[in-house]
Amino acid sequence: MQTLNDQSLNLEIRDTIPTEKAFVSIQGVSKVYPTAKGPYTVLQDVNLSVKESEFICVIGHSGCGKSTLLNMVSGFAQPTDGTVKVAGKEVTQPGPDRMVVFQNYALLPWLTVFENVYLAVDAVYPKKIEAEKRDIVRKNLTMVGLTEAMDKKPTQISGGMKQRVSIARALSITPEVLILDEPFGALDAITKEELQEELLKIGRAHV
């Protein structure tokens, strides 16, 4: 059941997944921001259980708290009340087990496509040999159809290609949870549909 109002997102999903067996568990989560006019409640008593390999969507109008909820799963924000757990561990900070694909790509403009993905791989797998890390980067860029663009800078490729780089970067470190925060919102309809299909194919291949 999903309920939306003008000020906050109240999301409660009741299903057959026991809380202790859920891979992602959000229990009694609220988020309140202090403002000059007093406390502002963005999320209130959110409960959500997601099982392993499940693909879900959180839907709501702009400003209702969707990104705030995702930020708490990724570790970029902390709940005012309640707990967020992934694989039984409470989320207290960002980590490589939870990767985010942002709407604005979040690519470093002075690095090439290859280097943007390599940066993530090198940070998560510092002990792997150089050849192995480079092979991981190539495989993931090939998977999203960017073999010919590896040596280009972000300013030299299209918005759809930039988003493919973001997806490749996220998948390259094999995260346990992939978080997509409206990653296709700024793209045209055709590119959006193509990337959605691409992502679903990648998801099925990794299940």
N, C-alpha and C. Protein backbone atom coordinates (compact mmCIF):
# COMPACT_ATOMS: atom_id res chain seq x y z
N MET A 1 0.85 -1.18 0.00
CA MET A 1 0.00 0.00 0.00
C MET A 1 0.88 1.23 0.00
N GLN A 2 0.58 2.18 -0.84
CA GLN A 2 1.38 3.41 -0.92
C GLN A 2 0.47 4.61 -0.77
N THR A 3 0.80 5.50 0.16
CA THR A 3 0.01 6.69 0.40
C THR A 3 0.87 7.91 0.23
N LEU A 4 0.38 8.90 -0.50
CA LEU A 4 1.14 10.13 -0.74
C LEU A 4 0.32 11.33 -0.29
N ASN A 5 1.00 12.30 0.30
CA ASN A 5 0.33 13.57 0.57
C ASN A 5 1.27 14.70 0.20
N ASP A 6 0.88 15.93 0.44
CA ASP A 6 1.65 17.08 -0.02
C ASP A 6 3.00 17.24 0.69
N GLN A 7 3.13 16.70 1.89
CA GLN A 7 4.32 16.96 2.68
C GLN A 7 5.27 15.78 2.79
N SER A 8 4.77 14.58 2.72
CA SER A 8 5.67 13.46 2.98
C SER A 8 5.25 12.22 2.22
N LEU A 9 6.18 11.27 2.19
CA LEU A 9 5.93 9.99 1.56
C LEU A 9 5.74 8.96 2.65
N ASN A 10 4.56 8.37 2.73
CA ASN A 10 4.31 7.30 3.67
C ASN A 10 4.21 6.01 2.85
N LEU A 11 5.14 5.10 3.02
CA LEU A 11 5.19 3.90 2.22
C LEU A 11 5.21 2.69 3.11
N GLU A 12 4.22 1.83 2.95
CA GLU A 12 4.18 0.62 3.76
C GLU A 12 3.82 -0.54 2.85
N ILE A 13 4.70 -1.51 2.76
CA ILE A 13 4.46 -2.68 1.93
C ILE A 13 4.35 -3.89 2.84
N ARG A 14 3.22 -4.57 2.76
CA ARG A 14 3.01 -5.77 3.55
C ARG A 14 2.99 -6.94 2.57
N ASP A 15 3.88 -7.89 2.77
CA ASP A 15 3.95 -9.04 1.88
C ASP A 15 4.35 -10.26 2.69
N THR A 16 4.80 -11.29 1.99
CA THR A 16 5.12 -12.54 2.65
C THR A 16 6.58 -12.63 3.07
N ILE A 17 7.35 -11.54 2.93
CA ILE A 17 8.76 -11.56 3.28
C ILE A 17 8.93 -11.22 4.75
N PRO A 18 9.37 -12.18 5.58
CA PRO A 18 9.63 -11.85 6.98
C PRO A 18 10.75 -10.81 7.07
N THR A 19 10.63 -9.87 8.00
CA THR A 19 11.61 -8.81 8.13
C THR A 19 13.02 -9.36 8.30
N GLU A 20 13.16 -10.43 9.09
CA GLU A 20 14.50 -10.95 9.36
C GLU A 20 15.11 -11.62 8.13
N LYS A 21 14.30 -11.94 7.10
CA LYS A 21 14.81 -12.59 5.90
C LYS A 21 14.92 -11.62 4.72
N ALA A 22 14.47 -10.39 4.91
CA ALA A 22 14.55 -9.41 3.83
C ALA A 22 16.00 -9.00 3.61
N PHE A 23 16.38 -8.81 2.36
CA PHE A 23 17.75 -8.38 2.06
C PHE A 23 17.91 -6.90 2.37
N VAL A 24 16.91 -6.10 1.96
CA VAL A 24 16.86 -4.69 2.35
C VAL A 24 15.65 -4.51 3.26
N SER A 25 15.89 -4.01 4.44
CA SER A 25 14.81 -3.85 5.42
C SER A 25 14.75 -2.41 5.91
N ILE A 26 13.63 -1.76 5.68
CA ILE A 26 13.40 -0.39 6.15
C ILE A 26 12.25 -0.46 7.15
N GLN A 27 12.54 -0.15 8.39
CA GLN A 27 11.55 -0.33 9.45
C GLN A 27 11.32 0.94 10.24
N GLY A 28 10.07 1.43 10.21
CA GLY A 28 9.66 2.59 11.01
C GLY A 28 10.47 3.84 10.74
N VAL A 29 10.89 4.04 9.49
CA VAL A 29 11.79 5.14 9.17
C VAL A 29 11.04 6.46 9.00
N SER A 30 11.56 7.48 9.64
CA SER A 30 11.06 8.85 9.48
C SER A 30 12.26 9.77 9.27
N LYS A 31 12.03 10.85 8.54
CA LYS A 31 13.07 11.85 8.33
C LYS A 31 12.48 13.22 8.53
N VAL A 32 13.04 13.96 9.48
CA VAL A 32 12.55 15.29 9.82
C VAL A 32 13.71 16.28 9.71
N TYR A 33 13.49 17.35 8.94
CA TYR A 33 14.50 18.39 8.78
C TYR A 33 14.11 19.62 9.60
N PRO A 34 15.06 20.22 10.34
CA PRO A 34 14.75 21.46 11.05
C PRO A 34 14.73 22.63 10.06
N THR A 35 13.76 23.49 10.17
CA THR A 35 13.67 24.68 9.31
C THR A 35 13.38 25.90 10.18
N ALA A 36 13.44 27.06 9.56
CA ALA A 36 13.16 28.29 10.30
C ALA A 36 11.72 28.33 10.80
N LYS A 37 10.85 27.60 10.11
CA LYS A 37 9.43 27.57 10.49
C LYS A 37 9.10 26.38 11.38
N GLY A 38 10.12 25.62 11.76
CA GLY A 38 9.89 24.46 12.60
C GLY A 38 10.23 23.16 11.87
N PRO A 39 10.06 22.01 12.53
CA PRO A 39 10.40 20.72 11.94
C PRO A 39 9.57 20.44 10.67
N TYR A 40 10.25 19.92 9.64
CA TYR A 40 9.57 19.58 8.39
C TYR A 40 9.72 18.08 8.15
N THR A 41 8.61 17.37 8.17
CA THR A 41 8.61 15.91 8.02
C THR A 41 8.57 15.54 6.54
N VAL A 42 9.63 14.87 6.10
CA VAL A 42 9.71 14.44 4.70
C VAL A 42 9.23 13.00 4.56
N LEU A 43 9.63 12.16 5.49
CA LEU A 43 9.20 10.77 5.53
C LEU A 43 8.66 10.44 6.90
N GLN A 44 7.62 9.60 6.92
CA GLN A 44 7.04 9.26 8.22
C GLN A 44 6.62 7.79 8.25
N ASP A 45 7.19 7.04 9.20
CA ASP A 45 6.84 5.65 9.45
C ASP A 45 6.85 4.82 8.17
N VAL A 46 7.99 4.81 7.48
CA VAL A 46 8.14 4.04 6.25
C VAL A 46 8.59 2.62 6.58
N ASN A 47 7.89 1.64 6.02
CA ASN A 47 8.24 0.23 6.21
C ASN A 47 8.31 -0.45 4.85
N LEU A 48 9.43 -1.08 4.58
CA LEU A 48 9.62 -1.73 3.28
C LEU A 48 10.57 -2.90 3.41
N SER A 49 10.19 -4.04 2.87
CA SER A 49 11.04 -5.22 2.87
C SER A 49 11.27 -5.66 1.43
N VAL A 50 12.53 -5.82 1.06
CA VAL A 50 12.88 -6.21 -0.30
C VAL A 50 13.72 -7.47 -0.24
N LYS A 51 13.32 -8.49 -0.98
CA LYS A 51 14.08 -9.74 -0.97
C LYS A 51 15.22 -9.70 -1.98
N GLU A 52 16.13 -10.61 -1.84
CA GLU A 52 17.29 -10.68 -2.73
C GLU A 52 16.85 -10.93 -4.16
N SER A 53 17.48 -10.22 -5.11
CA SER A 53 17.21 -10.32 -6.56
C SER A 53 15.89 -9.67 -6.97
N GLU A 54 15.23 -8.99 -6.05
CA GLU A 54 13.97 -8.32 -6.39
C GLU A 54 14.24 -6.92 -6.94
N PHE A 55 13.45 -6.52 -7.93
CA PHE A 55 13.58 -5.20 -8.56
C PHE A 55 12.30 -4.44 -8.23
N ILE A 56 12.40 -3.35 -7.48
CA ILE A 56 11.20 -2.59 -7.10
C ILE A 56 11.33 -1.14 -7.53
N CYS A 57 10.19 -0.45 -7.61
CA CYS A 57 10.15 0.98 -7.93
C CYS A 57 9.41 1.73 -6.83
N VAL A 58 9.95 2.86 -6.45
CA VAL A 58 9.28 3.76 -5.51
C VAL A 58 8.73 4.93 -6.32
N ILE A 59 7.42 5.09 -6.31
CA ILE A 59 6.76 6.08 -7.18
C ILE A 59 6.10 7.17 -6.33
N GLY A 60 6.25 8.41 -6.78
CA GLY A 60 5.60 9.51 -6.08
C GLY A 60 5.92 10.82 -6.77
N HIS A 61 5.18 11.86 -6.42
CA HIS A 61 5.39 13.16 -7.06
C HIS A 61 6.69 13.79 -6.60
N SER A 62 7.14 14.79 -7.33
CA SER A 62 8.39 15.48 -7.02
C SER A 62 8.34 16.09 -5.62
N GLY A 63 9.37 15.84 -4.83
CA GLY A 63 9.45 16.41 -3.50
C GLY A 63 8.81 15.60 -2.40
N CYS A 64 8.35 14.39 -2.71
CA CYS A 64 7.64 13.61 -1.68
C CYS A 64 8.59 12.76 -0.83
N GLY A 65 9.87 12.73 -1.17
CA GLY A 65 10.82 12.03 -0.31
C GLY A 65 11.45 10.79 -0.91
N LYS A 66 11.26 10.54 -2.20
CA LYS A 66 11.81 9.34 -2.83
C LYS A 66 13.34 9.31 -2.74
N SER A 67 13.97 10.42 -3.13
CA SER A 67 15.44 10.48 -3.09
C SER A 67 15.96 10.39 -1.66
N THR A 68 15.25 10.98 -0.73
CA THR A 68 15.65 10.91 0.68
C THR A 68 15.66 9.46 1.15
N LEU A 69 14.64 8.71 0.75
CA LEU A 69 14.57 7.30 1.13
C LEU A 69 15.73 6.52 0.52
N LEU A 70 16.00 6.75 -0.77
CA LEU A 70 17.11 6.06 -1.43
C LEU A 70 18.45 6.46 -0.83
N ASN A 71 18.58 7.73 -0.44
CA ASN A 71 19.82 8.20 0.18
C ASN A 71 20.08 7.51 1.52
N MET A 72 19.02 7.12 2.21
CA MET A 72 19.20 6.42 3.47
C MET A 72 19.62 4.97 3.24
N VAL A 73 19.17 4.38 2.14
CA VAL A 73 19.62 3.03 1.80
C VAL A 73 21.08 3.06 1.35
N SER A 74 21.45 4.09 0.59
CA SER A 74 22.83 4.20 0.11
C SER A 74 23.79 4.66 1.21
N GLY A 75 23.26 5.28 2.26
CA GLY A 75 24.10 5.73 3.37
C GLY A 75 24.48 7.19 3.32
N PHE A 76 23.95 7.94 2.35
CA PHE A 76 24.25 9.36 2.24
C PHE A 76 23.45 10.19 3.25
N ALA A 77 22.39 9.60 3.79
CA ALA A 77 21.57 10.28 4.80
C ALA A 77 21.18 9.27 5.87
N GLN A 78 20.88 9.77 7.05
CA GLN A 78 20.49 8.91 8.17
C GLN A 78 19.05 9.22 8.59
N PRO A 79 18.28 8.21 8.95
CA PRO A 79 16.90 8.47 9.38
C PRO A 79 16.86 9.17 10.74
N THR A 80 15.83 9.97 10.93
CA THR A 80 15.62 10.58 12.24
C THR A 80 15.14 9.53 13.23
N ASP A 81 14.28 8.64 12.74
CA ASP A 81 13.80 7.51 13.54
C ASP A 81 13.79 6.27 12.65
N GLY A 82 13.87 5.10 13.28
CA GLY A 82 13.80 3.86 12.53
C GLY A 82 15.17 3.37 12.07
N THR A 83 15.16 2.25 11.36
CA THR A 83 16.42 1.64 10.92
C THR A 83 16.34 1.22 9.45
N VAL A 84 17.51 1.26 8.81
CA VAL A 84 17.66 0.75 7.45
C VAL A 84 18.76 -0.30 7.49
N LYS A 85 18.44 -1.51 7.04
CA LYS A 85 19.43 -2.59 7.06
C LYS A 85 19.57 -3.20 5.67
N VAL A 86 20.80 -3.59 5.34
CA VAL A 86 21.09 -4.32 4.11
C VAL A 86 21.86 -5.57 4.50
N ALA A 87 21.35 -6.72 4.10
CA ALA A 87 21.96 -8.01 4.45
C ALA A 87 22.11 -8.15 5.96
N GLY A 88 21.15 -7.64 6.70
CA GLY A 88 21.15 -7.77 8.15
C GLY A 88 21.98 -6.76 8.90
N LYS A 89 22.72 -5.90 8.18
CA LYS A 89 23.57 -4.90 8.83
C LYS A 89 22.96 -3.51 8.68
N GLU A 90 22.95 -2.76 9.78
CA GLU A 90 22.39 -1.42 9.74
C GLU A 90 23.26 -0.50 8.89
N VAL A 91 22.63 0.29 8.04
CA VAL A 91 23.35 1.23 7.17
C VAL A 91 23.66 2.50 7.95
N THR A 92 24.95 2.82 8.05
CA THR A 92 25.36 4.02 8.77
C THR A 92 26.20 4.96 7.91
N GLN A 93 26.66 4.47 6.75
CA GLN A 93 27.48 5.27 5.86
C GLN A 93 27.49 4.63 4.47
N PRO A 94 27.95 5.38 3.45
CA PRO A 94 28.03 4.80 2.11
C PRO A 94 29.03 3.65 2.08
N GLY A 95 28.84 2.73 1.13
CA GLY A 95 29.76 1.61 1.00
C GLY A 95 29.66 1.00 -0.38
N PRO A 96 30.68 0.27 -0.83
CA PRO A 96 30.68 -0.33 -2.17
C PRO A 96 29.66 -1.44 -2.37
N ASP A 97 29.04 -1.89 -1.29
CA ASP A 97 27.98 -2.90 -1.43
C ASP A 97 26.68 -2.29 -1.94
N ARG A 98 26.60 -0.93 -1.93
CA ARG A 98 25.41 -0.21 -2.39
C ARG A 98 25.85 0.89 -3.36
N MET A 99 25.63 0.66 -4.65
CA MET A 99 26.04 1.65 -5.65
C MET A 99 24.83 2.40 -6.20
N VAL A 100 25.05 3.69 -6.47
CA VAL A 100 23.97 4.56 -6.93
C VAL A 100 24.25 5.03 -8.35
N VAL A 101 23.22 5.00 -9.19
CA VAL A 101 23.28 5.61 -10.52
C VAL A 101 22.43 6.87 -10.45
N PHE A 102 23.09 8.04 -10.55
CA PHE A 102 22.41 9.31 -10.38
C PHE A 102 21.85 9.83 -11.71
N GLN A 103 20.89 10.75 -11.61
CA GLN A 103 20.32 11.37 -12.79
C GLN A 103 21.33 12.26 -13.51
N ASN A 104 22.25 12.85 -12.75
CA ASN A 104 23.20 13.81 -13.34
C ASN A 104 24.54 13.17 -13.72
N TYR A 105 24.57 11.83 -13.79
CA TYR A 105 25.73 11.05 -14.25
C TYR A 105 26.88 11.00 -13.24
N ALA A 106 27.24 12.14 -12.63
CA ALA A 106 28.32 12.19 -11.63
C ALA A 106 29.64 11.65 -12.19
N LEU A 107 30.00 12.09 -13.41
CA LEU A 107 31.26 11.71 -14.03
C LEU A 107 32.28 12.83 -13.88
N LEU A 108 33.54 12.47 -13.77
CA LEU A 108 34.60 13.48 -13.70
C LEU A 108 34.97 13.89 -15.12
N PRO A 109 34.77 15.16 -15.48
CA PRO A 109 34.93 15.60 -16.87
C PRO A 109 36.35 15.53 -17.40
N TRP A 110 37.36 15.54 -16.52
CA TRP A 110 38.75 15.52 -16.98
C TRP A 110 39.28 14.09 -17.20
N LEU A 111 38.45 13.09 -16.87
CA LEU A 111 38.83 11.70 -17.08
C LEU A 111 38.09 11.12 -18.28
N THR A 112 38.68 10.12 -18.91
CA THR A 112 38.01 9.45 -20.02
C THR A 112 36.93 8.53 -19.48
N VAL A 113 36.12 8.00 -20.38
CA VAL A 113 35.10 7.03 -20.01
C VAL A 113 35.75 5.86 -19.26
N PHE A 114 36.83 5.32 -19.82
CA PHE A 114 37.54 4.21 -19.18
C PHE A 114 38.03 4.59 -17.80
N GLU A 115 38.62 5.77 -17.67
CA GLU A 115 39.20 6.20 -16.40
C GLU A 115 38.13 6.44 -15.33
N ASN A 116 36.95 6.91 -15.73
CA ASN A 116 35.87 7.11 -14.77
C ASN A 116 35.44 5.80 -14.13
N VAL A 117 35.37 4.75 -14.93
CA VAL A 117 35.00 3.44 -14.39
C VAL A 117 36.17 2.82 -13.63
N TYR A 118 37.37 2.99 -14.15
CA TYR A 118 38.56 2.43 -13.50
C TYR A 118 38.73 3.01 -12.09
N LEU A 119 38.41 4.27 -11.91
CA LEU A 119 38.54 4.93 -10.61
C LEU A 119 37.77 4.16 -9.53
N ALA A 120 36.54 3.73 -9.87
CA ALA A 120 35.73 2.98 -8.92
C ALA A 120 36.31 1.60 -8.67
N VAL A 121 36.72 0.93 -9.74
CA VAL A 121 37.28 -0.42 -9.61
C VAL A 121 38.55 -0.40 -8.77
N ASP A 122 39.41 0.58 -9.01
CA ASP A 122 40.67 0.68 -8.29
C ASP A 122 40.44 0.97 -6.81
N ALA A 123 39.41 1.78 -6.51
CA ALA A 123 39.12 2.12 -5.11
C ALA A 123 38.59 0.93 -4.33
N VAL A 124 37.78 0.09 -4.99
CA VAL A 124 37.15 -1.05 -4.30
C VAL A 124 38.06 -2.27 -4.30
N TYR A 125 38.85 -2.43 -5.35
CA TYR A 125 39.73 -3.60 -5.46
C TYR A 125 41.21 -3.19 -5.57
N PRO A 126 41.75 -2.49 -4.59
CA PRO A 126 43.13 -2.00 -4.68
C PRO A 126 44.18 -3.11 -4.76
N LYS A 127 43.85 -4.30 -4.30
CA LYS A 127 44.82 -5.39 -4.28
C LYS A 127 44.83 -6.23 -5.55
N LYS A 128 43.86 -6.01 -6.42
CA LYS A 128 43.86 -6.73 -7.69
C LYS A 128 45.00 -6.22 -8.57
N ILE A 129 45.52 -7.09 -9.41
CA ILE A 129 46.59 -6.65 -10.30
C ILE A 129 46.03 -5.72 -11.37
N GLU A 130 46.90 -4.88 -11.92
CA GLU A 130 46.48 -3.87 -12.89
C GLU A 130 45.71 -4.46 -14.07
N ALA A 131 46.23 -5.54 -14.62
CA ALA A 131 45.60 -6.16 -15.79
C ALA A 131 44.18 -6.63 -15.48
N GLU A 132 43.98 -7.16 -14.30
CA GLU A 132 42.66 -7.65 -13.91
C GLU A 132 41.67 -6.50 -13.75
N LYS A 133 42.12 -5.39 -13.14
CA LYS A 133 41.24 -4.24 -12.96
C LYS A 133 40.85 -3.64 -14.31
N ARG A 134 41.80 -3.55 -15.22
CA ARG A 134 41.51 -3.00 -16.54
C ARG A 134 40.57 -3.93 -17.31
N ASP A 135 40.70 -5.22 -17.09
CA ASP A 135 39.81 -6.18 -17.75
C ASP A 135 38.38 -6.03 -17.26
N ILE A 136 38.20 -5.78 -15.95
CA ILE A 136 36.88 -5.56 -15.38
C ILE A 136 36.23 -4.33 -16.01
N VAL A 137 37.02 -3.27 -16.17
CA VAL A 137 36.51 -2.03 -16.77
C VAL A 137 36.07 -2.29 -18.21
N ARG A 138 36.92 -2.93 -18.98
CA ARG A 138 36.59 -3.20 -20.38
C ARG A 138 35.34 -4.05 -20.53
N LYS A 139 35.21 -5.08 -19.70
CA LYS A 139 34.06 -5.98 -19.79
C LYS A 139 32.75 -5.24 -19.50
N ASN A 140 32.78 -4.36 -18.51
CA ASN A 140 31.55 -3.66 -18.14
C ASN A 140 31.20 -2.58 -19.16
N LEU A 141 32.19 -1.91 -19.72
CA LEU A 141 31.91 -0.91 -20.76
C LEU A 141 31.41 -1.60 -22.04
N THR A 142 31.95 -2.77 -22.33
CA THR A 142 31.48 -3.53 -23.48
C THR A 142 30.04 -3.98 -23.27
N MET A 143 29.71 -4.35 -22.04
CA MET A 143 28.37 -4.82 -21.72
C MET A 143 27.31 -3.76 -21.98
N VAL A 144 27.67 -2.48 -21.79
CA VAL A 144 26.70 -1.39 -22.02
C VAL A 144 26.89 -0.74 -23.39
N GLY A 145 27.69 -1.37 -24.25
CA GLY A 145 27.84 -0.89 -25.62
C GLY A 145 28.72 0.33 -25.79
N LEU A 146 29.78 0.45 -24.97
CA LEU A 146 30.64 1.62 -25.07
C LEU A 146 32.08 1.27 -25.43
N THR A 147 32.25 0.18 -26.14
CA THR A 147 33.61 -0.24 -26.53
C THR A 147 34.33 0.84 -27.32
N GLU A 148 33.62 1.50 -28.23
CA GLU A 148 34.25 2.49 -29.10
C GLU A 148 34.44 3.85 -28.43
N ALA A 149 33.87 4.02 -27.24
CA ALA A 149 33.93 5.34 -26.58
C ALA A 149 34.82 5.36 -25.35
N MET A 150 35.58 4.30 -25.12
CA MET A 150 36.36 4.19 -23.89
C MET A 150 37.36 5.33 -23.69
N ASP A 151 37.91 5.84 -24.76
CA ASP A 151 38.95 6.86 -24.65
C ASP A 151 38.43 8.29 -24.78
N LYS A 152 37.11 8.44 -24.84
CA LYS A 152 36.52 9.77 -24.96
C LYS A 152 36.23 10.37 -23.59
N LYS A 153 36.21 11.69 -23.53
CA LYS A 153 35.85 12.41 -22.30
C LYS A 153 34.32 12.56 -22.24
N PRO A 154 33.76 12.77 -21.06
CA PRO A 154 32.30 12.94 -20.94
C PRO A 154 31.73 14.04 -21.85
N THR A 155 32.50 15.09 -22.09
CA THR A 155 32.01 16.18 -22.95
C THR A 155 31.93 15.77 -24.42
N GLN A 156 32.50 14.63 -24.76
CA GLN A 156 32.52 14.17 -26.15
C GLN A 156 31.47 13.11 -26.44
N ILE A 157 30.66 12.77 -25.46
CA ILE A 157 29.64 11.74 -25.67
C ILE A 157 28.25 12.27 -25.31
N SER A 158 27.22 11.57 -25.75
CA SER A 158 25.84 12.00 -25.53
C SER A 158 25.38 11.71 -24.10
N GLY A 159 24.21 12.26 -23.76
CA GLY A 159 23.64 12.02 -22.43
C GLY A 159 23.37 10.55 -22.18
N GLY A 160 22.86 9.86 -23.21
CA GLY A 160 22.58 8.44 -23.07
C GLY A 160 23.85 7.64 -22.83
N MET A 161 24.92 8.03 -23.51
CA MET A 161 26.20 7.34 -23.33
C MET A 161 26.78 7.62 -21.95
N LYS A 162 26.61 8.85 -21.46
CA LYS A 162 27.08 9.18 -20.11
C LYS A 162 26.38 8.31 -19.07
N GLN A 163 25.07 8.10 -19.28
CA GLN A 163 24.35 7.29 -18.33
C GLN A 163 24.79 5.84 -18.40
N ARG A 164 25.17 5.38 -19.58
CA ARG A 164 25.71 4.03 -19.72
C ARG A 164 27.03 3.90 -18.95
N VAL A 165 27.83 4.96 -18.97
CA VAL A 165 29.08 4.96 -18.20
C VAL A 165 28.76 4.82 -16.71
N SER A 166 27.77 5.56 -16.25
CA SER A 166 27.37 5.49 -14.83
C SER A 166 26.92 4.09 -14.44
N ILE A 167 26.17 3.46 -15.34
CA ILE A 167 25.70 2.09 -15.07
C ILE A 167 26.88 1.12 -15.05
N ALA A 168 27.78 1.27 -16.03
CA ALA A 168 28.95 0.40 -16.08
C ALA A 168 29.80 0.56 -14.83
N ARG A 169 29.98 1.80 -14.38
CA ARG A 169 30.76 2.07 -13.17
C ARG A 169 30.13 1.40 -11.95
N ALA A 170 28.80 1.50 -11.85
CA ALA A 170 28.11 0.90 -10.71
C ALA A 170 28.22 -0.62 -10.72
N LEU A 171 28.06 -1.22 -11.90
CA LEU A 171 28.08 -2.68 -12.00
C LEU A 171 29.50 -3.25 -11.91
N SER A 172 30.49 -2.44 -12.21
CA SER A 172 31.86 -2.94 -12.27
C SER A 172 32.39 -3.43 -10.93
N ILE A 173 31.83 -2.94 -9.84
CA ILE A 173 32.31 -3.37 -8.52
C ILE A 173 31.37 -4.41 -7.90
N THR A 174 30.43 -4.91 -8.69
CA THR A 174 29.51 -5.97 -8.28
C THR A 174 28.84 -5.66 -6.94
N PRO A 175 28.05 -4.60 -6.88
CA PRO A 175 27.40 -4.24 -5.62
C PRO A 175 26.29 -5.22 -5.26
N GLU A 176 25.97 -5.29 -3.99
CA GLU A 176 24.87 -6.14 -3.54
C GLU A 176 23.53 -5.47 -3.82
N VAL A 177 23.52 -4.14 -3.83
CA VAL A 177 22.31 -3.38 -4.10
C VAL A 177 22.63 -2.29 -5.13
N LEU A 178 21.83 -2.21 -6.19
CA LEU A 178 21.98 -1.17 -7.19
C LEU A 178 20.82 -0.20 -7.04
N ILE A 179 21.13 1.06 -6.75
CA ILE A 179 20.11 2.08 -6.49
C ILE A 179 20.06 3.05 -7.66
N LEU A 180 18.90 3.21 -8.25
CA LEU A 180 18.72 4.10 -9.40
C LEU A 180 17.82 5.25 -9.00
N ASP A 181 18.38 6.45 -8.95
CA ASP A 181 17.60 7.63 -8.56
C ASP A 181 17.22 8.43 -9.81
N GLU A 182 16.12 8.06 -10.44
CA GLU A 182 15.65 8.68 -11.67
C GLU A 182 16.78 8.86 -12.69
N PRO A 183 17.52 7.79 -13.00
CA PRO A 183 18.69 7.93 -13.86
C PRO A 183 18.38 8.29 -15.30
N PHE A 184 17.13 8.08 -15.72
CA PHE A 184 16.78 8.35 -17.12
C PHE A 184 15.90 9.59 -17.28
N GLY A 185 15.73 10.34 -16.21
CA GLY A 185 14.81 11.48 -16.23
C GLY A 185 15.17 12.57 -17.22
N ALA A 186 16.47 12.76 -17.47
CA ALA A 186 16.90 13.86 -18.35
C ALA A 186 17.09 13.42 -19.80
N LEU A 187 16.75 12.17 -20.11
CA LEU A 187 16.98 11.65 -21.44
C LEU A 187 15.73 11.71 -22.30
N ASP A 188 15.92 11.68 -23.62
CA ASP A 188 14.77 11.65 -24.52
C ASP A 188 14.09 10.29 -24.45
N ALA A 189 12.86 10.23 -24.94
CA ALA A 189 12.03 9.03 -24.78
C ALA A 189 12.66 7.78 -25.39
N ILE A 190 13.26 7.91 -26.57
CA ILE A 190 13.84 6.75 -27.25
C ILE A 190 15.05 6.22 -26.49
N THR A 191 15.94 7.14 -26.10
CA THR A 191 17.13 6.73 -25.35
C THR A 191 16.74 6.13 -24.00
N LYS A 192 15.72 6.72 -23.37
CA LYS A 192 15.24 6.22 -22.08
C LYS A 192 14.75 4.79 -22.21
N GLU A 193 13.96 4.52 -23.24
CA GLU A 193 13.43 3.18 -23.43
C GLU A 193 14.56 2.18 -23.71
N GLU A 194 15.53 2.59 -24.52
CA GLU A 194 16.66 1.71 -24.84
C GLU A 194 17.45 1.35 -23.58
N LEU A 195 17.72 2.35 -22.74
CA LEU A 195 18.50 2.11 -21.53
C LEU A 195 17.72 1.29 -20.51
N GLN A 196 16.41 1.50 -20.44
CA GLN A 196 15.60 0.70 -19.54
C GLN A 196 15.66 -0.77 -19.93
N GLU A 197 15.55 -1.06 -21.23
CA GLU A 197 15.64 -2.43 -21.72
C GLU A 197 17.03 -3.00 -21.46
N GLU A 198 18.05 -2.17 -21.67
CA GLU A 198 19.44 -2.59 -21.44
C GLU A 198 19.65 -2.97 -19.98
N LEU A 199 19.13 -2.14 -19.09
CA LEU A 199 19.29 -2.38 -17.66
C LEU A 199 18.57 -3.65 -17.22
N LEU A 200 17.38 -3.89 -17.77
CA LEU A 200 16.64 -5.10 -17.44
C LEU A 200 17.39 -6.34 -17.90
N LYS A 201 18.00 -6.27 -19.09
CA LYS A 201 18.78 -7.40 -19.59
C LYS A 201 20.00 -7.66 -18.70
N ILE A 202 20.66 -6.59 -18.29
CA ILE A 202 21.81 -6.72 -17.41
C ILE A 202 21.38 -7.32 -16.07
N GLY A 203 20.25 -6.84 -15.57
CA GLY A 203 19.75 -7.35 -14.30
C GLY A 203 19.44 -8.84 -14.37
N ARG A 204 18.79 -9.28 -15.45
CA ARG A 204 18.47 -10.70 -15.59
C ARG A 204 19.74 -11.53 -15.70
N ALA A 205 20.76 -10.98 -16.35
CA ALA A 205 22.02 -11.71 -16.51
C ALA A 205 22.76 -11.89 -15.20
N HIS A 206 22.52 -10.99 -14.23
CA HIS A 206 23.25 -11.04 -12.97
C HIS A 206 22.47 -11.70 -11.84
N VAL A 207 21.22 -12.10 -12.12
CA VAL A 207 20.42 -12.74 -11.07
C VAL A 207 20.86 -14.19 -10.88
